[in-house]
Protein backbone atom coordinates (compact mmCIF):
# COMPACT_ATOMS: atom_id res chain seq x y z
CA UNK A 1 9.73 -10.93 30.67
CA UNK A 2 8.32 -13.69 28.58
CA UNK A 3 10.25 -16.66 26.71
CA UNK A 4 10.60 -17.52 22.77
CA UNK A 5 7.46 -19.67 23.83
CA UNK A 6 5.25 -16.75 24.72
CA UNK A 7 5.54 -17.30 28.73
CA UNK A 8 6.16 -15.00 30.98
CA UNK A 9 9.45 -15.67 33.04
CA UNK A 10 8.64 -17.66 36.30
CA UNK A 11 5.27 -18.45 35.15
CA UNK A 12 4.77 -21.92 36.67
CA UNK A 13 1.35 -22.04 35.06
CA UNK A 14 0.77 -24.43 38.52
CA UNK A 15 3.01 -27.02 37.54
CA UNK A 16 5.69 -27.49 40.19
CA UNK A 17 6.34 -26.60 43.90
CA UNK A 18 7.11 -22.99 43.07
CA UNK A 19 5.73 -19.71 45.09
CA UNK A 20 4.16 -17.53 42.37
CA UNK A 21 4.29 -13.90 44.06
CA UNK A 22 0.58 -13.22 43.35
CA UNK A 23 -0.14 -16.59 46.09
CA UNK A 24 -2.47 -18.42 43.26
CA UNK A 25 -2.35 -22.24 43.98
CA UNK A 26 -4.06 -24.27 41.40
CA UNK A 27 -6.53 -26.84 42.76
CA UNK A 28 -6.09 -30.20 42.33
CA UNK A 29 -9.21 -32.03 41.39
CA UNK A 30 -7.29 -35.62 40.97
CA UNK A 31 -6.89 -35.37 45.08
CA UNK A 32 -10.81 -35.07 46.41
CA UNK A 33 -12.52 -37.75 46.79
CA UNK A 34 -15.33 -37.08 44.23
CA UNK A 35 -12.90 -37.43 41.85
CA UNK A 36 -11.21 -39.96 42.60
CA UNK A 37 -14.75 -41.41 42.66
CA UNK A 38 -15.31 -41.19 39.37
CA UNK A 39 -12.04 -41.55 37.31
CA UNK A 40 -12.23 -45.49 39.59
CA UNK A 41 -15.73 -45.76 38.34
CA UNK A 42 -16.55 -44.19 35.35
CA UNK A 43 -14.53 -46.96 32.89
CA UNK A 44 -16.44 -49.41 34.36
CA UNK A 45 -19.84 -47.51 33.99
CA UNK A 46 -18.99 -47.32 30.88
CA UNK A 47 -18.73 -50.79 30.25
CA UNK A 48 -21.77 -51.69 32.01
CA UNK A 49 -23.84 -49.06 29.95
CA UNK A 50 -22.50 -50.18 26.81
CA UNK A 51 -24.27 -53.79 27.19
CA UNK A 52 -27.19 -51.85 26.80
CA UNK A 53 -26.37 -49.10 24.02
CA UNK A 54 -24.43 -47.12 26.02
CA UNK A 55 -24.01 -43.71 27.40
CA UNK A 56 -25.59 -40.76 26.19
CA UNK A 57 -22.82 -38.16 24.48
CA UNK A 58 -23.76 -36.08 25.79
CA UNK A 59 -23.20 -37.55 29.57
CA UNK A 60 -19.73 -38.78 27.86
CA UNK A 61 -19.03 -35.57 27.20
CA UNK A 62 -19.40 -34.24 30.43
CA UNK A 63 -17.41 -37.58 32.30
CA UNK A 64 -14.72 -36.68 30.33
CA UNK A 65 -14.42 -32.79 30.60
CA UNK A 66 -15.00 -33.46 34.42
CA UNK A 67 -11.88 -35.83 34.44
CA UNK A 68 -9.52 -33.48 32.32
CA UNK A 69 -10.92 -30.37 34.59
CA UNK A 70 -8.02 -28.76 36.06
CA UNK A 71 -5.61 -30.92 35.14
CA UNK A 72 -2.07 -30.29 33.57
CA UNK A 73 -2.37 -32.64 31.35
CA UNK A 74 -5.31 -31.53 29.56
CA UNK A 75 -3.11 -28.81 28.97
CA UNK A 76 -2.73 -24.74 30.79
CA UNK A 77 -3.41 -21.22 29.97
CA UNK A 78 -2.12 -18.69 31.58
CA UNK A 79 -3.84 -15.13 30.73
CA UNK A 80 -1.77 -11.38 31.62
CA UNK A 81 -3.93 -8.36 32.12
CA UNK A 82 -2.93 -6.80 28.98
CA UNK A 83 -3.68 -10.08 27.17
CA UNK A 84 -7.30 -10.05 28.36
CA UNK A 85 -7.64 -6.82 28.02
CA UNK A 86 -6.68 -6.78 24.37
CA UNK A 87 -8.89 -10.14 24.31
CA UNK A 88 -11.91 -8.27 25.07
CA UNK A 89 -11.59 -5.33 23.08
CA UNK A 90 -11.46 -7.09 19.88
CA UNK A 91 -8.82 -10.31 19.94
CA UNK A 92 -8.51 -11.01 16.87
CA UNK A 93 -6.06 -7.78 16.54
CA UNK A 94 -3.95 -9.10 19.02
CA UNK A 95 -1.63 -11.42 18.34
CA UNK A 96 0.93 -11.67 20.25
CA UNK A 97 1.52 -11.92 24.29
CA UNK A 98 3.39 -9.07 26.02
C-alpha cells in the first residue's frame, strides 16, 4: 500500500534503524575511512588549488558526487518492481507509482 506521497507503507528508504523485510541495509559511506578522509581534506585541497587556478571542473564535480553518493541528505529513491518494469517498457506513459 502507498501513502499519499507515493511511498510504500513501511518503506524506510534507508532511514532509521527500521528492519526491512527484504533484508536491505543501506550502505553508510560517511562511516568509511576513505569518505571521512575526503570529507575532511577536500575543502583544504580546493582552497589551496584555488590559489593556483583552481581544480578542473570535472574533478570538482567528481569529488562532490562522491561526497553526496549514498547520503540521505542528497535524496532517496526507492523503486518497486512494477515501476521498474514500466520504466523499462517506456516510462513516459507510466505516470503514477503503484
